[in-house]
Amino acid sequence: AVLLGKVGRNFGAGMTGGMAFVYDADGSFERRANPDSIVWQRVAAQHWENTLYDLVADHAKATDSKWSKGLIEDWPRVIGDFWQVVPKEMLTRLPHPLVDADEAVAAE
């Protein structure tokens, strides 16, 4: 799922399965997220960035949305405003890692 608008308080409470990408240009998402059910991070793997781009581009094409078309046109700048949200129970079941291997830092 891709959310291009603001989210309400307690976002992700009870979230199971799947994944969400949340556009957060005003920086309010972290105050509204429920840390008991989900983890979130900026998009850090090329696979997931490509997935997100395709979802936004498909939405722009299907709806003729000027908003989503603008995001696509300004992608290098706006990608940093997206959060990738995953239910905690899904972390070990994702088909691709959340971080590209060359960006991962080994634990000491």
C-alpha atoms as a PDB file:
ATOM      1  CA  ALA A   1       0.000   0.000   0.000  1.00  0.00           C
ATOM      2  CA  VAL A   2       1.107   3.560  -0.672  1.00  0.00           C
ATOM      3  CA  LEU A   3      -0.282   6.425   1.375  1.00  0.00           C
ATOM      4  CA  LEU A   4       0.246   9.841  -0.168  1.00  0.00           C
ATOM      5  CA  GLY A   5      -1.632  11.778   2.510  1.00  0.00           C
ATOM      6  CA  LYS A   6      -1.354  12.172   6.253  1.00  0.00           C
ATOM      7  CA  VAL A   7      -1.996   9.256   8.581  1.00  0.00           C
ATOM      8  CA  GLY A   8      -3.907   9.312  11.834  1.00  0.00           C
ATOM      9  CA  ARG A   9      -2.643   8.638  15.344  1.00  0.00           C
ATOM     10  CA  ASN A  10      -1.621   5.096  16.224  1.00  0.00           C
ATOM     11  CA  PHE A  11      -0.846   4.185  12.608  1.00  0.00           C
ATOM     12  CA  GLY A  12      -0.096   0.508  12.200  1.00  0.00           C
ATOM     13  CA  ALA A  13      -1.765  -0.662  15.412  1.00  0.00           C
ATOM     14  CA  GLY A  14      -2.668  -4.274  14.793  1.00  0.00           C
ATOM     15  CA  MET A  15      -1.117  -4.251  11.305  1.00  0.00           C
ATOM     16  CA  THR A  16      -0.356  -7.784  10.148  1.00  0.00           C
ATOM     17  CA  GLY A  17       1.032  -8.893   6.830  1.00  0.00           C
ATOM     18  CA  GLY A  18       1.991  -6.711   3.931  1.00  0.00           C
ATOM     19  CA  MET A  19       3.908  -3.473   3.868  1.00  0.00           C
ATOM     20  CA  ALA A  20       3.109   0.202   3.511  1.00  0.00           C
ATOM     21  CA  PHE A  21       4.953   3.174   2.091  1.00  0.00           C
ATOM     22  CA  VAL A  22       3.965   6.488   3.652  1.00  0.00           C
ATOM     23  CA  TYR A  23       4.747   9.879   2.094  1.00  0.00           C
ATOM     24  CA  ASP A  24       5.684  12.233   4.930  1.00  0.00           C
ATOM     25  CA  ALA A  25       6.750  15.630   3.601  1.00  0.00           C
ATOM     26  CA  ASP A  26       5.842  17.421   6.841  1.00  0.00           C
ATOM     27  CA  GLY A  27       7.666  15.024   9.163  1.00  0.00           C
ATOM     28  CA  SER A  28       4.632  14.051  11.240  1.00  0.00           C
ATOM     29  CA  PHE A  29       4.634  10.292  10.647  1.00  0.00           C
ATOM     30  CA  GLU A  30       6.933   9.196  13.474  1.00  0.00           C
ATOM     31  CA  ARG A  31       4.722  10.911  16.066  1.00  0.00           C
ATOM     32  CA  ARG A  32       1.700   9.026  14.716  1.00  0.00           C
ATOM     33  CA  ALA A  33       3.185   5.533  14.285  1.00  0.00           C
ATOM     34  CA  ASN A  34       2.548   2.692  16.738  1.00  0.00           C
ATOM     35  CA  PRO A  35       5.938   1.183  17.663  1.00  0.00           C
ATOM     36  CA  ASP A  36       4.332  -1.870  19.277  1.00  0.00           C
ATOM     37  CA  SER A  37       3.141  -3.315  15.958  1.00  0.00           C
ATOM     38  CA  ILE A  38       5.434  -1.938  13.256  1.00  0.00           C
ATOM     39  CA  VAL A  39       8.931  -0.874  12.350  1.00  0.00           C
ATOM     40  CA  TRP A  40       9.635   1.930   9.910  1.00  0.00           C
ATOM     41  CA  GLN A  41      12.618   3.300   8.084  1.00  0.00           C
ATOM     42  CA  ARG A  42      13.439   5.375   5.058  1.00  0.00           C
ATOM     43  CA  VAL A  43      13.493   3.295   1.881  1.00  0.00           C
ATOM     44  CA  ALA A  44      17.004   1.823   1.864  1.00  0.00           C
ATOM     45  CA  ALA A  45      16.995  -0.978  -0.720  1.00  0.00           C
ATOM     46  CA  GLN A  46      16.865  -0.512  -4.472  1.00  0.00           C
ATOM     47  CA  HIS A  47      14.316  -3.326  -4.822  1.00  0.00           C
ATOM     48  CA  TRP A  48      11.845  -1.559  -2.524  1.00  0.00           C
ATOM     49  CA  GLU A  49      12.509   1.845  -4.078  1.00  0.00           C
ATOM     50  CA  ASN A  50      11.706   0.353  -7.491  1.00  0.00           C
ATOM     51  CA  THR A  51       8.554  -1.240  -6.063  1.00  0.00           C
ATOM     52  CA  LEU A  52       7.428   2.071  -4.576  1.00  0.00           C
ATOM     53  CA  TYR A  53       8.212   3.991  -7.770  1.00  0.00           C
ATOM     54  CA  ASP A  54       6.178   1.514  -9.827  1.00  0.00           C
ATOM     55  CA  LEU A  55       3.216   1.766  -7.436  1.00  0.00           C
ATOM     56  CA  VAL A  56       3.202   5.573  -7.561  1.00  0.00           C
ATOM     57  CA  ALA A  57       3.676   5.583 -11.355  1.00  0.00           C
ATOM     58  CA  ASP A  58       0.837   3.071 -11.801  1.00  0.00           C
ATOM     59  CA  HIS A  59      -1.409   5.254  -9.646  1.00  0.00           C
ATOM     60  CA  ALA A  60      -0.479   8.341 -11.675  1.00  0.00           C
ATOM     61  CA  LYS A  61      -1.276   6.554 -14.924  1.00  0.00           C
ATOM     62  CA  ALA A  62      -4.534   5.003 -13.703  1.00  0.00           C
ATOM     63  CA  THR A  63      -5.929   8.163 -12.103  1.00  0.00           C
ATOM     64  CA  ASP A  64      -4.237  10.956 -14.065  1.00  0.00           C
ATOM     65  CA  SER A  65      -3.343  12.393 -10.646  1.00  0.00           C
ATOM     66  CA  LYS A  66      -1.291  15.571 -10.908  1.00  0.00           C
ATOM     67  CA  TRP A  67      -0.075  15.006  -7.343  1.00  0.00           C
ATOM     68  CA  SER A  68       1.393  11.570  -8.030  1.00  0.00           C
ATOM     69  CA  LYS A  69       2.753  12.691 -11.418  1.00  0.00           C
ATOM     70  CA  GLY A  70       4.570  15.496  -9.602  1.00  0.00           C
ATOM     71  CA  LEU A  71       6.099  12.996  -7.199  1.00  0.00           C
ATOM     72  CA  ILE A  72       7.372  10.893 -10.105  1.00  0.00           C
ATOM     73  CA  GLU A  73       8.830  13.953 -11.843  1.00  0.00           C
ATOM     74  CA  ASP A  74      10.652  14.971  -8.642  1.00  0.00           C
ATOM     75  CA  TRP A  75      11.557  11.432  -7.536  1.00  0.00           C
ATOM     76  CA  PRO A  76      15.206  11.969  -6.523  1.00  0.00           C
ATOM     77  CA  ARG A  77      14.091  14.637  -4.049  1.00  0.00           C
ATOM     78  CA  VAL A  78      10.881  13.082  -2.729  1.00  0.00           C
ATOM     79  CA  ILE A  79      12.087   9.504  -2.197  1.00  0.00           C
ATOM     80  CA  GLY A  80      13.638  10.709   1.060  1.00  0.00           C
ATOM     81  CA  ASP A  81      10.178  11.742   2.304  1.00  0.00           C
ATOM     82  CA  PHE A  82       8.808   8.186   2.185  1.00  0.00           C
ATOM     83  CA  TRP A  83       8.769   5.754   5.103  1.00  0.00           C
ATOM     84  CA  GLN A  84       8.722   2.019   4.551  1.00  0.00           C
ATOM     85  CA  VAL A  85       6.488   0.418   7.183  1.00  0.00           C
ATOM     86  CA  VAL A  86       6.547  -3.283   8.017  1.00  0.00           C
ATOM     87  CA  PRO A  87       4.652  -5.222  10.680  1.00  0.00           C
ATOM     88  CA  LYS A  88       7.137  -6.709  13.141  1.00  0.00           C
ATOM     89  CA  GLU A  89       5.841 -10.209  12.468  1.00  0.00           C
ATOM     90  CA  MET A  90       6.788  -9.851   8.786  1.00  0.00           C
ATOM     91  CA  LEU A  91      10.445  -8.906   9.263  1.00  0.00           C
ATOM     92  CA  THR A  92      11.734 -12.454   8.820  1.00  0.00           C
ATOM     93  CA  ARG A  93       9.353 -13.260   5.961  1.00  0.00           C
ATOM     94  CA  LEU A  94      10.091 -10.482   3.477  1.00  0.00           C
ATOM     95  CA  PRO A  95      11.048 -11.651  -0.029  1.00  0.00           C
ATOM     96  CA  HIS A  96      13.845  -9.043  -0.176  1.00  0.00           C
ATOM     97  CA  PRO A  97      15.908  -7.386   2.571  1.00  0.00           C
ATOM     98  CA  LEU A  98      15.019  -3.902   3.800  1.00  0.00           C
ATOM     99  CA  VAL A  99      18.586  -2.683   3.245  1.00  0.00           C
ATOM    100  CA  ASP A 100      20.881  -3.417   0.308  1.00  0.00           C
ATOM    101  CA  ALA A 101      23.754  -5.707   1.343  1.00  0.00           C
ATOM    102  CA  ASP A 102      26.447  -3.135   0.563  1.00  0.00           C
ATOM    103  CA  GLU A 103      24.727  -0.641   2.884  1.00  0.00           C
ATOM    104  CA  ALA A 104      24.279  -3.037   5.800  1.00  0.00           C
ATOM    105  CA  VAL A 105      26.560  -2.522   8.776  1.00  0.00           C
ATOM    106  CA  ALA A 106      27.863  -5.598  10.556  1.00  0.00           C
ATOM    107  CA  ALA A 107      27.043  -5.919  14.241  1.00  0.00           C
ATOM    108  CA  GLU A 108      30.031  -5.927  16.556  1.00  0.00           C
END
